[in-house]
Amino acid sequence: MPSLDPALDAFYDVVRRRRDVRGEFTGEPIDADVLDRVLGAAHAAPSVGLSQPWDFVLVRDEATRKEFREHVMAEREVFASTLSGERGGTFAKIKIEGILESSLGVVVTYDPSRGSPDVLGRHAIADAGLYSVCLAIQNLWLSATAEGLGVGWVSFYREEFLSALVGLPEGIRPIAWLCLGPVSELATAPDLERHGWRRRRPLAEAVHHDRW
């Protein structure tokens, strides 16, 4: 195969190296210019009707992060109680967060009223704004990887708890708490794959032509 242009190769290398980080955060501070670039990449994401329905709450306060972690660990136990046998044993070995170890938390939010009432492109797909926020998260994640930072998406929480914790206005949804910061390394394989929770399926199984 012909070799790729170096810029293309660098881009695909970032995509391949991106990981959901849990235990590798160093806790070192993030350079202000680097953080601005990462957030700028997120803010440059495409959005339905150019609504840009996202906001970013940067959480450095230790007390807030400790309170959030306690909530997350309680929710972990709720999930663990639904598992049995080998599955429960596998889950017990998996670290699900890096809330205190990371440099800061980034709460990414969704404002469904942003750009309303005339959001071009959302009349038939109500969740298009939510999809836009996910694109911003992906931009943030890839740019963080390129900058040598790790990102961990924490999903074991109740929306109403996180909204109250960081003071979100009425109607604003928290879509993600992202742990962000320098890391000692990025694992060569996803944690869930390494711990035997699930394996990636081949691309060929996911591609369909013309019809499913």
C-alpha atoms as a PDB file:
ATOM      1  CA  MET A   1       0.000   0.000   0.000  1.00  0.00           C
ATOM      2  CA  PRO A   2       1.249   3.525  -0.735  1.00  0.00           C
ATOM      3  CA  SER A   3       2.321   5.485   2.326  1.00  0.00           C
ATOM      4  CA  LEU A   4       0.004   8.188   3.616  1.00  0.00           C
ATOM      5  CA  ASP A   5       0.759  11.877   3.636  1.00  0.00           C
ATOM      6  CA  PRO A   6       2.413  12.604   7.040  1.00  0.00           C
ATOM      7  CA  ALA A   7      -0.449  14.893   8.092  1.00  0.00           C
ATOM      8  CA  LEU A   8      -3.018  12.199   7.287  1.00  0.00           C
ATOM      9  CA  ASP A   9      -0.957   9.566   9.048  1.00  0.00           C
ATOM     10  CA  ALA A  10      -0.738  11.782  12.141  1.00  0.00           C
ATOM     11  CA  PHE A  11      -4.523  12.260  12.138  1.00  0.00           C
ATOM     12  CA  TYR A  12      -5.296   8.551  11.890  1.00  0.00           C
ATOM     13  CA  ASP A  13      -2.694   7.854  14.562  1.00  0.00           C
ATOM     14  CA  VAL A  14      -4.611  10.140  16.947  1.00  0.00           C
ATOM     15  CA  VAL A  15      -7.863   8.310  16.139  1.00  0.00           C
ATOM     16  CA  ARG A  16      -6.210   4.939  16.812  1.00  0.00           C
ATOM     17  CA  ARG A  17      -4.572   6.069  20.078  1.00  0.00           C
ATOM     18  CA  ARG A  18      -7.657   7.685  21.623  1.00  0.00           C
ATOM     19  CA  ARG A  19      -8.682   5.892  24.809  1.00  0.00           C
ATOM     20  CA  ASP A  20     -11.228   6.263  27.600  1.00  0.00           C
ATOM     21  CA  VAL A  21      -8.760   6.880  30.431  1.00  0.00           C
ATOM     22  CA  ARG A  22      -9.353   5.749  34.026  1.00  0.00           C
ATOM     23  CA  GLY A  23      -6.199   4.931  35.944  1.00  0.00           C
ATOM     24  CA  GLU A  24      -3.411   6.661  34.028  1.00  0.00           C
ATOM     25  CA  PHE A  25      -3.958  10.314  35.011  1.00  0.00           C
ATOM     26  CA  THR A  26      -0.946  12.027  36.621  1.00  0.00           C
ATOM     27  CA  GLY A  27      -2.856  14.967  38.139  1.00  0.00           C
ATOM     28  CA  GLU A  28      -0.400  17.480  36.705  1.00  0.00           C
ATOM     29  CA  PRO A  29      -1.893  20.844  35.696  1.00  0.00           C
ATOM     30  CA  ILE A  30      -2.916  21.503  32.097  1.00  0.00           C
ATOM     31  CA  ASP A  31      -1.174  24.408  30.402  1.00  0.00           C
ATOM     32  CA  ALA A  32      -3.683  27.222  29.842  1.00  0.00           C
ATOM     33  CA  ASP A  33      -2.876  27.476  26.123  1.00  0.00           C
ATOM     34  CA  VAL A  34      -3.353  23.735  25.679  1.00  0.00           C
ATOM     35  CA  LEU A  35      -6.706  23.841  27.461  1.00  0.00           C
ATOM     36  CA  ASP A  36      -7.816  26.741  25.259  1.00  0.00           C
ATOM     37  CA  ARG A  37      -6.889  24.789  22.136  1.00  0.00           C
ATOM     38  CA  VAL A  38      -8.754  21.681  23.292  1.00  0.00           C
ATOM     39  CA  LEU A  39     -11.878  23.640  24.203  1.00  0.00           C
ATOM     40  CA  GLY A  40     -11.554  25.617  20.973  1.00  0.00           C
ATOM     41  CA  ALA A  41     -11.576  22.380  19.000  1.00  0.00           C
ATOM     42  CA  ALA A  42     -14.719  21.288  20.838  1.00  0.00           C
ATOM     43  CA  HIS A  43     -16.359  24.655  20.164  1.00  0.00           C
ATOM     44  CA  ALA A  44     -15.509  24.324  16.453  1.00  0.00           C
ATOM     45  CA  ALA A  45     -17.675  21.202  16.092  1.00  0.00           C
ATOM     46  CA  PRO A  46     -20.542  21.213  13.589  1.00  0.00           C
ATOM     47  CA  SER A  47     -23.989  21.806  15.061  1.00  0.00           C
ATOM     48  CA  VAL A  48     -27.506  21.597  13.713  1.00  0.00           C
ATOM     49  CA  GLY A  49     -28.625  25.010  12.478  1.00  0.00           C
ATOM     50  CA  LEU A  50     -25.356  26.472  13.844  1.00  0.00           C
ATOM     51  CA  SER A  51     -27.078  26.379  17.230  1.00  0.00           C
ATOM     52  CA  GLN A  52     -23.893  25.493  19.168  1.00  0.00           C
ATOM     53  CA  PRO A  53     -26.019  24.081  22.012  1.00  0.00           C
ATOM     54  CA  TRP A  54     -23.078  23.160  24.243  1.00  0.00           C
ATOM     55  CA  ASP A  55     -21.419  24.780  27.253  1.00  0.00           C
ATOM     56  CA  PHE A  56     -18.404  23.617  29.252  1.00  0.00           C
ATOM     57  CA  VAL A  57     -18.257  23.778  33.059  1.00  0.00           C
ATOM     58  CA  LEU A  58     -14.658  23.375  34.236  1.00  0.00           C
ATOM     59  CA  VAL A  59     -14.597  21.747  37.675  1.00  0.00           C
ATOM     60  CA  ARG A  60     -11.370  22.051  39.647  1.00  0.00           C
ATOM     61  CA  ASP A  61     -12.819  22.340  43.163  1.00  0.00           C
ATOM     62  CA  GLU A  62     -11.742  19.306  45.177  1.00  0.00           C
ATOM     63  CA  ALA A  63     -14.843  19.214  47.369  1.00  0.00           C
ATOM     64  CA  THR A  64     -17.118  19.199  44.325  1.00  0.00           C
ATOM     65  CA  ARG A  65     -15.133  16.419  42.717  1.00  0.00           C
ATOM     66  CA  LYS A  66     -15.182  14.344  45.916  1.00  0.00           C
ATOM     67  CA  GLU A  67     -18.941  14.733  46.194  1.00  0.00           C
ATOM     68  CA  PHE A  68     -19.398  13.708  42.578  1.00  0.00           C
ATOM     69  CA  ARG A  69     -17.145  10.676  43.030  1.00  0.00           C
ATOM     70  CA  GLU A  70     -19.149   9.511  46.048  1.00  0.00           C
ATOM     71  CA  HIS A  71     -22.308   9.704  43.937  1.00  0.00           C
ATOM     72  CA  VAL A  72     -20.640   7.816  41.068  1.00  0.00           C
ATOM     73  CA  MET A  73     -19.430   5.051  43.366  1.00  0.00           C
ATOM     74  CA  ALA A  74     -22.929   4.662  44.809  1.00  0.00           C
ATOM     75  CA  GLU A  75     -24.311   4.329  41.276  1.00  0.00           C
ATOM     76  CA  ARG A  76     -21.600   1.794  40.521  1.00  0.00           C
ATOM     77  CA  GLU A  77     -22.956  -0.340  43.346  1.00  0.00           C
ATOM     78  CA  VAL A  78     -26.483  -0.005  41.971  1.00  0.00           C
ATOM     79  CA  PHE A  79     -25.281  -1.395  38.635  1.00  0.00           C
ATOM     80  CA  ALA A  80     -23.107  -4.055  40.249  1.00  0.00           C
ATOM     81  CA  SER A  81     -26.135  -5.365  42.141  1.00  0.00           C
ATOM     82  CA  THR A  82     -27.756  -6.280  38.808  1.00  0.00           C
ATOM     83  CA  LEU A  83     -24.853  -8.532  37.826  1.00  0.00           C
ATOM     84  CA  SER A  84     -24.194 -12.081  38.888  1.00  0.00           C
ATOM     85  CA  GLY A  85     -21.555 -14.760  38.618  1.00  0.00           C
ATOM     86  CA  GLU A  86     -18.660 -14.263  36.248  1.00  0.00           C
ATOM     87  CA  ARG A  87     -20.023 -10.963  34.923  1.00  0.00           C
ATOM     88  CA  GLY A  88     -20.065  -9.499  38.416  1.00  0.00           C
ATOM     89  CA  GLY A  89     -16.513 -10.666  39.048  1.00  0.00           C
ATOM     90  CA  THR A  90     -15.302  -9.090  35.822  1.00  0.00           C
ATOM     91  CA  PHE A  91     -16.973  -5.765  36.593  1.00  0.00           C
ATOM     92  CA  ALA A  92     -15.471  -5.676  40.092  1.00  0.00           C
ATOM     93  CA  LYS A  93     -11.990  -5.407  38.533  1.00  0.00           C
ATOM     94  CA  ILE A  94     -12.873  -2.493  36.232  1.00  0.00           C
ATOM     95  CA  LYS A  95     -12.123   1.086  37.295  1.00  0.00           C
ATOM     96  CA  ILE A  96     -14.918   3.315  35.993  1.00  0.00           C
ATOM     97  CA  GLU A  97     -13.611   6.815  36.693  1.00  0.00           C
ATOM     98  CA  GLY A  98     -10.624   9.086  37.288  1.00  0.00           C
ATOM     99  CA  ILE A  99     -12.475  11.966  38.914  1.00  0.00           C
ATOM    100  CA  LEU A 100      -9.933  12.787  41.614  1.00  0.00           C
ATOM    101  CA  GLU A 101      -6.809  11.648  39.747  1.00  0.00           C
ATOM    102  CA  SER A 102      -7.398  13.848  36.683  1.00  0.00           C
ATOM    103  CA  SER A 103      -6.459  17.527  36.511  1.00  0.00           C
ATOM    104  CA  LEU A 104     -10.038  18.737  36.194  1.00  0.00           C
ATOM    105  CA  GLY A 105     -13.544  17.718  35.252  1.00  0.00           C
ATOM    106  CA  VAL A 106     -15.321  19.120  32.206  1.00  0.00           C
ATOM    107  CA  VAL A 107     -19.103  18.970  32.369  1.00  0.00           C
ATOM    108  CA  VAL A 108     -20.441  19.254  28.811  1.00  0.00           C
ATOM    109  CA  THR A 109     -24.030  20.435  28.680  1.00  0.00           C
ATOM    110  CA  TYR A 110     -26.875  20.665  26.168  1.00  0.00           C
ATOM    111  CA  ASP A 111     -29.259  23.604  25.859  1.00  0.00           C
ATOM    112  CA  PRO A 112     -32.211  22.448  23.691  1.00  0.00           C
ATOM    113  CA  SER A 113     -33.503  26.005  23.506  1.00  0.00           C
ATOM    114  CA  ARG A 114     -30.329  27.418  21.947  1.00  0.00           C
ATOM    115  CA  GLY A 115     -31.264  28.916  18.587  1.00  0.00           C
ATOM    116  CA  SER A 116     -34.989  28.249  19.091  1.00  0.00           C
ATOM    117  CA  PRO A 117     -37.622  28.456  17.835  1.00  0.00           C
ATOM    118  CA  ASP A 118     -36.184  28.236  14.313  1.00  0.00           C
ATOM    119  CA  VAL A 119     -33.371  25.645  14.476  1.00  0.00           C
ATOM    120  CA  LEU A 120     -32.639  24.850  10.861  1.00  0.00           C
ATOM    121  CA  GLY A 121     -32.497  21.059  10.413  1.00  0.00           C
ATOM    122  CA  ARG A 122     -34.117  20.029  13.692  1.00  0.00           C
ATOM    123  CA  HIS A 123     -37.785  20.042  12.691  1.00  0.00           C
ATOM    124  CA  ALA A 124     -37.844  16.308  11.880  1.00  0.00           C
ATOM    125  CA  ILE A 125     -35.084  15.031  14.180  1.00  0.00           C
ATOM    126  CA  ALA A 126     -35.620  16.341  17.699  1.00  0.00           C
ATOM    127  CA  ASP A 127     -32.314  14.903  18.977  1.00  0.00           C
ATOM    128  CA  ALA A 128     -30.144  16.600  16.346  1.00  0.00           C
ATOM    129  CA  GLY A 129     -29.003  19.142  18.934  1.00  0.00           C
ATOM    130  CA  LEU A 130     -27.948  16.365  21.291  1.00  0.00           C
ATOM    131  CA  TYR A 131     -25.986  14.757  18.463  1.00  0.00           C
ATOM    132  CA  SER A 132     -24.232  18.100  17.971  1.00  0.00           C
ATOM    133  CA  VAL A 133     -23.037  18.073  21.584  1.00  0.00           C
ATOM    134  CA  CYS A 134     -21.616  14.582  21.048  1.00  0.00           C
ATOM    135  CA  LEU A 135     -19.661  15.900  18.069  1.00  0.00           C
ATOM    136  CA  ALA A 136     -18.183  18.607  20.301  1.00  0.00           C
ATOM    137  CA  ILE A 137     -17.165  15.915  22.803  1.00  0.00           C
ATOM    138  CA  GLN A 138     -15.473  13.898  20.053  1.00  0.00           C
ATOM    139  CA  ASN A 139     -13.578  16.991  18.873  1.00  0.00           C
ATOM    140  CA  LEU A 140     -12.444  17.627  22.447  1.00  0.00           C
ATOM    141  CA  TRP A 141     -11.376  14.004  22.859  1.00  0.00           C
ATOM    142  CA  LEU A 142      -9.328  13.834  19.674  1.00  0.00           C
ATOM    143  CA  SER A 143      -7.634  17.180  20.253  1.00  0.00           C
ATOM    144  CA  ALA A 144      -6.818  16.178  23.838  1.00  0.00           C
ATOM    145  CA  THR A 145      -5.224  12.975  22.524  1.00  0.00           C
ATOM    146  CA  ALA A 146      -3.177  14.982  20.023  1.00  0.00           C
ATOM    147  CA  GLU A 147      -2.019  17.236  22.894  1.00  0.00           C
ATOM    148  CA  GLY A 148      -0.887  14.261  24.989  1.00  0.00           C
ATOM    149  CA  LEU A 149      -3.840  14.463  27.385  1.00  0.00           C
ATOM    150  CA  GLY A 150      -6.237  11.755  28.437  1.00  0.00           C
ATOM    151  CA  VAL A 151     -10.032  11.891  28.630  1.00  0.00           C
ATOM    152  CA  GLY A 152     -12.363   9.682  30.645  1.00  0.00           C
ATOM    153  CA  TRP A 153     -16.137   9.864  30.134  1.00  0.00           C
ATOM    154  CA  VAL A 154     -17.948   9.186  33.428  1.00  0.00           C
ATOM    155  CA  SER A 155     -21.459   7.856  32.874  1.00  0.00           C
ATOM    156  CA  PHE A 156     -22.442   6.446  36.293  1.00  0.00           C
ATOM    157  CA  TYR A 157     -24.491   9.428  37.510  1.00  0.00           C
ATOM    158  CA  ARG A 158     -28.027  10.767  37.674  1.00  0.00           C
ATOM    159  CA  GLU A 159     -28.604  13.906  35.623  1.00  0.00           C
ATOM    160  CA  GLU A 160     -30.535  15.696  38.359  1.00  0.00           C
ATOM    161  CA  PHE A 161     -27.671  15.160  40.837  1.00  0.00           C
ATOM    162  CA  LEU A 162     -25.000  16.552  38.518  1.00  0.00           C
ATOM    163  CA  SER A 163     -27.207  19.468  37.475  1.00  0.00           C
ATOM    164  CA  ALA A 164     -27.623  20.521  41.109  1.00  0.00           C
ATOM    165  CA  LEU A 165     -23.956  19.908  41.930  1.00  0.00           C
ATOM    166  CA  VAL A 166     -22.630  22.333  39.310  1.00  0.00           C
ATOM    167  CA  GLY A 167     -25.591  24.722  39.333  1.00  0.00           C
ATOM    168  CA  LEU A 168     -27.013  24.169  35.866  1.00  0.00           C
ATOM    169  CA  PRO A 169     -29.946  26.441  34.962  1.00  0.00           C
ATOM    170  CA  GLU A 170     -33.393  24.973  34.441  1.00  0.00           C
ATOM    171  CA  GLY A 171     -33.650  23.117  31.128  1.00  0.00           C
ATOM    172  CA  ILE A 172     -29.892  22.587  30.672  1.00  0.00           C
ATOM    173  CA  ARG A 173     -28.913  18.898  30.507  1.00  0.00           C
ATOM    174  CA  PRO A 174     -25.514  17.524  31.602  1.00  0.00           C
ATOM    175  CA  ILE A 175     -24.409  15.203  28.800  1.00  0.00           C
ATOM    176  CA  ALA A 176     -20.978  14.218  30.088  1.00  0.00           C
ATOM    177  CA  TRP A 177     -18.536  14.591  32.934  1.00  0.00           C
ATOM    178  CA  LEU A 178     -15.160  14.287  31.224  1.00  0.00           C
ATOM    179  CA  CYS A 179     -12.047  13.680  33.313  1.00  0.00           C
ATOM    180  CA  LEU A 180      -9.221  15.572  31.594  1.00  0.00           C
ATOM    181  CA  GLY A 181      -5.499  15.793  32.176  1.00  0.00           C
ATOM    182  CA  PRO A 182      -1.974  14.588  31.432  1.00  0.00           C
ATOM    183  CA  VAL A 183      -1.453  10.834  31.563  1.00  0.00           C
ATOM    184  CA  SER A 184       1.452   8.496  32.144  1.00  0.00           C
ATOM    185  CA  GLU A 185       0.449   6.538  29.038  1.00  0.00           C
ATOM    186  CA  LEU A 186      -2.463   5.629  26.797  1.00  0.00           C
ATOM    187  CA  ALA A 187      -3.287   1.930  26.873  1.00  0.00           C
ATOM    188  CA  THR A 188      -2.881   0.010  23.627  1.00  0.00           C
ATOM    189  CA  ALA A 189      -6.358  -1.502  24.007  1.00  0.00           C
ATOM    190  CA  PRO A 190      -9.564  -0.240  25.671  1.00  0.00           C
ATOM    191  CA  ASP A 191      -9.951  -1.085  29.369  1.00  0.00           C
ATOM    192  CA  LEU A 192     -13.171  -3.031  28.805  1.00  0.00           C
ATOM    193  CA  GLU A 193     -11.458  -5.163  26.187  1.00  0.00           C
ATOM    194  CA  ARG A 194      -8.393  -5.771  28.361  1.00  0.00           C
ATOM    195  CA  HIS A 195     -10.572  -6.833  31.280  1.00  0.00           C
ATOM    196  CA  GLY A 196     -12.660  -9.168  29.141  1.00  0.00           C
ATOM    197  CA  TRP A 197     -15.930  -7.221  29.412  1.00  0.00           C
ATOM    198  CA  ARG A 198     -16.481  -6.978  25.653  1.00  0.00           C
ATOM    199  CA  ARG A 199     -14.542  -7.117  22.398  1.00  0.00           C
ATOM    200  CA  ARG A 200     -14.638  -4.882  19.367  1.00  0.00           C
ATOM    201  CA  ARG A 201     -16.458  -6.301  16.387  1.00  0.00           C
ATOM    202  CA  PRO A 202     -14.761  -6.152  12.985  1.00  0.00           C
ATOM    203  CA  LEU A 203     -15.578  -3.253  10.657  1.00  0.00           C
ATOM    204  CA  ALA A 204     -16.899  -5.734   8.082  1.00  0.00           C
ATOM    205  CA  GLU A 205     -19.725  -6.683  10.470  1.00  0.00           C
ATOM    206  CA  ALA A 206     -20.820  -3.048  10.752  1.00  0.00           C
ATOM    207  CA  VAL A 207     -20.852  -2.097   7.052  1.00  0.00           C
ATOM    208  CA  HIS A 208     -23.958  -2.661   4.915  1.00  0.00           C
ATOM    209  CA  HIS A 209     -24.482  -1.753   1.289  1.00  0.00           C
ATOM    210  CA  ASP A 210     -27.731  -0.198   0.067  1.00  0.00           C
ATOM    211  CA  ARG A 211     -29.833  -2.121   2.598  1.00  0.00           C
ATOM    212  CA  TRP A 212     -29.212  -3.743   6.005  1.00  0.00           C
END
